[in-house]
Amino acid sequence: MKTLLLMRHAKSSFKDGSMPDFERPLSKRGEKDAPRMGKLLREKDLVPDLIISSSALRAKATAELVAEKSGYKGDILFVEDLYLGEPVAYLEALRNLDDEVETVLVIGHNPGLETLLQILTDKVESLSTAAIAHLEVPLRTWKALDTVIIATLKHLWRPRDL
């Protein structure tokens, strides 16, 4: 059994309308919510073995804040294809994981992340900014992950519910 944590990046800032979407930073709320979610992972004993994140600035900042507050000690893998990626991009990144990774946190964007959650759990759930979906995936090897695997949605945490 593998553990998959899907997290939408924390709230981003729209202050500078001329800024390219890829370069948008976190808002003040995002800077507050991301560490809270990292702390939640530590408290729930869900510190990942690996963090994979979109390379967009808001996702990178989310990943770094979550890593710090969760106690994660490894490197963060930034994957450009996760920026506005479709579910297939997320699946591809996961299929390439070493099987020693038991728990992985993936930080990305909607609508791809929500669609992936729906595909893997057969449930329609909203992933607000900084929300984390905790899935148990019935796999021994990440290479076997595909769209017919049905994962169990164990928890869905949203910052506003904490």
C-alpha atoms as a PDB file:
ATOM      1  CA  MET A   1       0.000   0.000   0.000  1.00  0.00           C
ATOM      2  CA  LYS A   2       1.343   3.430  -0.993  1.00  0.00           C
ATOM      3  CA  THR A   3       0.312   6.794   0.428  1.00  0.00           C
ATOM      4  CA  LEU A   4      -0.339   9.655  -1.969  1.00  0.00           C
ATOM      5  CA  LEU A   5      -0.869  13.195  -0.723  1.00  0.00           C
ATOM      6  CA  LEU A   6      -2.265  15.587  -3.319  1.00  0.00           C
ATOM      7  CA  MET A   7      -1.980  19.267  -2.456  1.00  0.00           C
ATOM      8  CA  ARG A   8      -3.085  22.285  -4.398  1.00  0.00           C
ATOM      9  CA  HIS A   9      -0.641  25.186  -4.086  1.00  0.00           C
ATOM     10  CA  ALA A  10      -1.472  27.790  -1.441  1.00  0.00           C
ATOM     11  CA  LYS A  11      -3.309  31.002  -2.343  1.00  0.00           C
ATOM     12  CA  SER A  12      -1.386  33.159  -4.785  1.00  0.00           C
ATOM     13  CA  SER A  13      -1.253  36.903  -5.203  1.00  0.00           C
ATOM     14  CA  PHE A  14      -2.902  38.751  -8.064  1.00  0.00           C
ATOM     15  CA  LYS A  15      -1.566  42.190  -7.008  1.00  0.00           C
ATOM     16  CA  ASP A  16       0.577  42.646 -10.108  1.00  0.00           C
ATOM     17  CA  GLY A  17      -1.690  42.005 -13.099  1.00  0.00           C
ATOM     18  CA  SER A  18       1.212  42.303 -15.531  1.00  0.00           C
ATOM     19  CA  MET A  19       3.101  39.413 -13.907  1.00  0.00           C
ATOM     20  CA  PRO A  20       3.153  36.136 -15.882  1.00  0.00           C
ATOM     21  CA  ASP A  21       0.991  33.454 -14.251  1.00  0.00           C
ATOM     22  CA  PHE A  22       3.990  31.149 -13.752  1.00  0.00           C
ATOM     23  CA  GLU A  23       5.731  33.781 -11.614  1.00  0.00           C
ATOM     24  CA  ARG A  24       2.861  34.688  -9.268  1.00  0.00           C
ATOM     25  CA  PRO A  25       3.988  34.551  -5.606  1.00  0.00           C
ATOM     26  CA  LEU A  26       1.962  33.468  -2.601  1.00  0.00           C
ATOM     27  CA  SER A  27      -0.462  35.915  -1.037  1.00  0.00           C
ATOM     28  CA  LYS A  28      -0.332  36.684   2.680  1.00  0.00           C
ATOM     29  CA  ARG A  29      -3.019  34.047   3.222  1.00  0.00           C
ATOM     30  CA  GLY A  30      -0.989  31.537   1.220  1.00  0.00           C
ATOM     31  CA  GLU A  31       2.113  32.287   3.286  1.00  0.00           C
ATOM     32  CA  LYS A  32       0.049  31.517   6.402  1.00  0.00           C
ATOM     33  CA  ASP A  33      -1.810  28.434   5.117  1.00  0.00           C
ATOM     34  CA  ALA A  34       1.129  26.488   3.646  1.00  0.00           C
ATOM     35  CA  PRO A  35       3.036  26.193   6.954  1.00  0.00           C
ATOM     36  CA  ARG A  36      -0.187  25.234   8.752  1.00  0.00           C
ATOM     37  CA  MET A  37      -0.647  22.354   6.322  1.00  0.00           C
ATOM     38  CA  GLY A  38       2.968  21.276   6.793  1.00  0.00           C
ATOM     39  CA  LYS A  39       2.426  21.216  10.545  1.00  0.00           C
ATOM     40  CA  LEU A  40      -0.736  19.146  10.004  1.00  0.00           C
ATOM     41  CA  LEU A  41       1.252  16.539   8.055  1.00  0.00           C
ATOM     42  CA  ARG A  42       3.768  16.312  10.895  1.00  0.00           C
ATOM     43  CA  GLU A  43       0.981  15.968  13.496  1.00  0.00           C
ATOM     44  CA  LYS A  44      -0.767  13.257  11.444  1.00  0.00           C
ATOM     45  CA  ASP A  45       2.519  11.348  11.024  1.00  0.00           C
ATOM     46  CA  LEU A  46       2.354  11.858   7.264  1.00  0.00           C
ATOM     47  CA  VAL A  47       5.749  13.442   6.619  1.00  0.00           C
ATOM     48  CA  PRO A  48       6.437  12.358   3.044  1.00  0.00           C
ATOM     49  CA  ASP A  49       9.420  10.377   1.834  1.00  0.00           C
ATOM     50  CA  LEU A  50       9.446  12.661  -1.214  1.00  0.00           C
ATOM     51  CA  ILE A  51       7.893  15.959  -2.261  1.00  0.00           C
ATOM     52  CA  ILE A  52       7.200  16.570  -5.941  1.00  0.00           C
ATOM     53  CA  SER A  53       6.054  20.030  -6.992  1.00  0.00           C
ATOM     54  CA  SER A  54       5.194  22.076 -10.001  1.00  0.00           C
ATOM     55  CA  SER A  55       7.978  24.491 -10.829  1.00  0.00           C
ATOM     56  CA  ALA A  56       5.654  27.535 -10.799  1.00  0.00           C
ATOM     57  CA  LEU A  57       6.692  30.048  -8.146  1.00  0.00           C
ATOM     58  CA  ARG A  58       3.524  29.679  -6.014  1.00  0.00           C
ATOM     59  CA  ALA A  59       3.864  25.881  -5.977  1.00  0.00           C
ATOM     60  CA  LYS A  60       7.600  26.055  -5.186  1.00  0.00           C
ATOM     61  CA  ALA A  61       6.952  28.417  -2.274  1.00  0.00           C
ATOM     62  CA  THR A  62       4.166  26.148  -1.007  1.00  0.00           C
ATOM     63  CA  ALA A  63       6.453  23.109  -1.203  1.00  0.00           C
ATOM     64  CA  GLU A  64       9.261  24.841   0.660  1.00  0.00           C
ATOM     65  CA  LEU A  65       6.988  26.084   3.469  1.00  0.00           C
ATOM     66  CA  VAL A  66       5.281  22.696   3.847  1.00  0.00           C
ATOM     67  CA  ALA A  67       8.640  20.910   3.856  1.00  0.00           C
ATOM     68  CA  GLU A  68      10.007  23.185   6.570  1.00  0.00           C
ATOM     69  CA  LYS A  69       7.002  22.897   8.903  1.00  0.00           C
ATOM     70  CA  SER A  70       6.451  19.172   8.348  1.00  0.00           C
ATOM     71  CA  GLY A  71      10.030  18.296   9.201  1.00  0.00           C
ATOM     72  CA  TYR A  72      10.740  16.929   5.719  1.00  0.00           C
ATOM     73  CA  LYS A  73      14.508  16.626   5.261  1.00  0.00           C
ATOM     74  CA  GLY A  74      14.876  15.525   1.638  1.00  0.00           C
ATOM     75  CA  ASP A  75      15.134  17.360  -1.631  1.00  0.00           C
ATOM     76  CA  ILE A  76      12.069  18.690  -3.399  1.00  0.00           C
ATOM     77  CA  LEU A  77      11.685  17.488  -6.967  1.00  0.00           C
ATOM     78  CA  PHE A  78      10.400  20.318  -9.169  1.00  0.00           C
ATOM     79  CA  VAL A  79       8.666  19.098 -12.340  1.00  0.00           C
ATOM     80  CA  GLU A  80       7.877  21.632 -15.034  1.00  0.00           C
ATOM     81  CA  ASP A  81       5.225  19.389 -16.636  1.00  0.00           C
ATOM     82  CA  LEU A  82       3.054  19.723 -13.514  1.00  0.00           C
ATOM     83  CA  TYR A  83       2.507  23.426 -14.197  1.00  0.00           C
ATOM     84  CA  LEU A  84      -1.083  23.455 -15.461  1.00  0.00           C
ATOM     85  CA  GLY A  85      -0.572  19.764 -16.229  1.00  0.00           C
ATOM     86  CA  GLU A  86      -3.271  17.306 -17.086  1.00  0.00           C
ATOM     87  CA  PRO A  87      -3.683  14.184 -14.922  1.00  0.00           C
ATOM     88  CA  VAL A  88      -1.411  12.240 -17.265  1.00  0.00           C
ATOM     89  CA  ALA A  89       1.515  14.511 -16.300  1.00  0.00           C
ATOM     90  CA  TYR A  90       0.960  13.726 -12.613  1.00  0.00           C
ATOM     91  CA  LEU A  91       0.598  10.007 -13.317  1.00  0.00           C
ATOM     92  CA  GLU A  92       3.824  10.016 -15.325  1.00  0.00           C
ATOM     93  CA  ALA A  93       5.746  11.729 -12.518  1.00  0.00           C
ATOM     94  CA  LEU A  94       4.391   9.204 -10.000  1.00  0.00           C
ATOM     95  CA  ARG A  95       5.123   6.170 -12.197  1.00  0.00           C
ATOM     96  CA  ASN A  96       8.779   7.194 -12.296  1.00  0.00           C
ATOM     97  CA  LEU A  97       9.185   7.073  -8.507  1.00  0.00           C
ATOM     98  CA  ASP A  98      11.499   4.646  -6.783  1.00  0.00           C
ATOM     99  CA  ASP A  99       9.453   1.991  -5.015  1.00  0.00           C
ATOM    100  CA  GLU A 100      11.225   2.726  -1.739  1.00  0.00           C
ATOM    101  CA  VAL A 101       9.081   5.879  -1.630  1.00  0.00           C
ATOM    102  CA  GLU A 102       6.075   4.885   0.457  1.00  0.00           C
ATOM    103  CA  THR A 103       4.546   8.341   0.991  1.00  0.00           C
ATOM    104  CA  VAL A 104       4.728  11.085  -1.618  1.00  0.00           C
ATOM    105  CA  LEU A 105       3.366  14.625  -1.530  1.00  0.00           C
ATOM    106  CA  VAL A 106       2.508  16.109  -4.923  1.00  0.00           C
ATOM    107  CA  ILE A 107       1.917  19.866  -5.095  1.00  0.00           C
ATOM    108  CA  GLY A 108       0.245  21.179  -8.204  1.00  0.00           C
ATOM    109  CA  HIS A 109      -2.592  23.061  -9.830  1.00  0.00           C
ATOM    110  CA  ASN A 110      -6.246  22.756 -10.715  1.00  0.00           C
ATOM    111  CA  PRO A 111      -7.967  21.570 -12.783  1.00  0.00           C
ATOM    112  CA  GLY A 112      -5.447  18.749 -13.350  1.00  0.00           C
ATOM    113  CA  LEU A 113      -5.030  17.914  -9.668  1.00  0.00           C
ATOM    114  CA  GLU A 114      -8.788  17.761  -8.966  1.00  0.00           C
ATOM    115  CA  THR A 115      -9.297  15.632 -12.052  1.00  0.00           C
ATOM    116  CA  LEU A 116      -6.530  13.269 -10.919  1.00  0.00           C
ATOM    117  CA  LEU A 117      -8.195  12.993  -7.511  1.00  0.00           C
ATOM    118  CA  GLN A 118     -11.494  12.139  -9.201  1.00  0.00           C
ATOM    119  CA  ILE A 119      -9.877   9.567 -11.500  1.00  0.00           C
ATOM    120  CA  LEU A 120      -8.045   7.841  -8.651  1.00  0.00           C
ATOM    121  CA  THR A 121     -10.885   7.832  -6.101  1.00  0.00           C
ATOM    122  CA  ASP A 122     -14.009   7.917  -8.267  1.00  0.00           C
ATOM    123  CA  LYS A 123     -15.165  10.842  -6.095  1.00  0.00           C
ATOM    124  CA  VAL A 124     -15.748  14.469  -7.044  1.00  0.00           C
ATOM    125  CA  GLU A 125     -14.068  16.715  -4.466  1.00  0.00           C
ATOM    126  CA  SER A 126     -13.015  20.334  -4.546  1.00  0.00           C
ATOM    127  CA  LEU A 127      -9.374  21.097  -3.820  1.00  0.00           C
ATOM    128  CA  SER A 128      -9.297  24.669  -2.563  1.00  0.00           C
ATOM    129  CA  THR A 129      -5.930  26.389  -2.280  1.00  0.00           C
ATOM    130  CA  ALA A 130      -3.611  24.581   0.168  1.00  0.00           C
ATOM    131  CA  ALA A 131      -6.024  21.652   0.543  1.00  0.00           C
ATOM    132  CA  ILE A 132      -4.488  18.203   0.986  1.00  0.00           C
ATOM    133  CA  ALA A 133      -6.123  14.947  -0.062  1.00  0.00           C
ATOM    134  CA  HIS A 134      -4.742  11.846   1.709  1.00  0.00           C
ATOM    135  CA  LEU A 135      -5.083   8.737  -0.466  1.00  0.00           C
ATOM    136  CA  GLU A 136      -4.187   5.115   0.164  1.00  0.00           C
ATOM    137  CA  VAL A 137      -3.257   3.507  -3.125  1.00  0.00           C
ATOM    138  CA  PRO A 138      -3.368  -0.315  -3.391  1.00  0.00           C
ATOM    139  CA  LEU A 139       0.035  -0.685  -5.052  1.00  0.00           C
ATOM    140  CA  ARG A 140       3.406  -2.200  -4.308  1.00  0.00           C
ATOM    141  CA  THR A 141       5.096  -0.439  -7.192  1.00  0.00           C
ATOM    142  CA  TRP A 142       4.494   3.079  -8.502  1.00  0.00           C
ATOM    143  CA  LYS A 143       5.012   1.847 -12.062  1.00  0.00           C
ATOM    144  CA  ALA A 144       1.656   0.049 -11.789  1.00  0.00           C
ATOM    145  CA  LEU A 145      -0.279   3.269 -11.159  1.00  0.00           C
ATOM    146  CA  ASP A 146      -2.906   3.833 -13.816  1.00  0.00           C
ATOM    147  CA  THR A 147      -6.433   5.156 -14.218  1.00  0.00           C
ATOM    148  CA  VAL A 148      -8.123   1.856 -13.301  1.00  0.00           C
ATOM    149  CA  ILE A 149      -6.559   1.789  -9.816  1.00  0.00           C
ATOM    150  CA  ILE A 150      -9.106   2.936  -7.249  1.00  0.00           C
ATOM    151  CA  ALA A 151      -7.514   4.632  -4.263  1.00  0.00           C
ATOM    152  CA  THR A 152      -9.210   5.273  -0.940  1.00  0.00           C
ATOM    153  CA  LEU A 153      -9.671   8.894   0.053  1.00  0.00           C
ATOM    154  CA  LYS A 154      -8.785   8.770   3.748  1.00  0.00           C
ATOM    155  CA  HIS A 155      -8.934  12.483   4.527  1.00  0.00           C
ATOM    156  CA  LEU A 156      -9.399  15.827   2.835  1.00  0.00           C
ATOM    157  CA  TRP A 157      -8.040  18.750   4.821  1.00  0.00           C
ATOM    158  CA  ARG A 158      -8.708  22.374   3.909  1.00  0.00           C
ATOM    159  CA  PRO A 159      -7.021  25.244   5.753  1.00  0.00           C
ATOM    160  CA  ARG A 160     -10.359  26.841   6.593  1.00  0.00           C
ATOM    161  CA  ASP A 161     -11.434  23.650   8.409  1.00  0.00           C
ATOM    162  CA  LEU A 162      -8.420  23.586  10.741  1.00  0.00           C
END
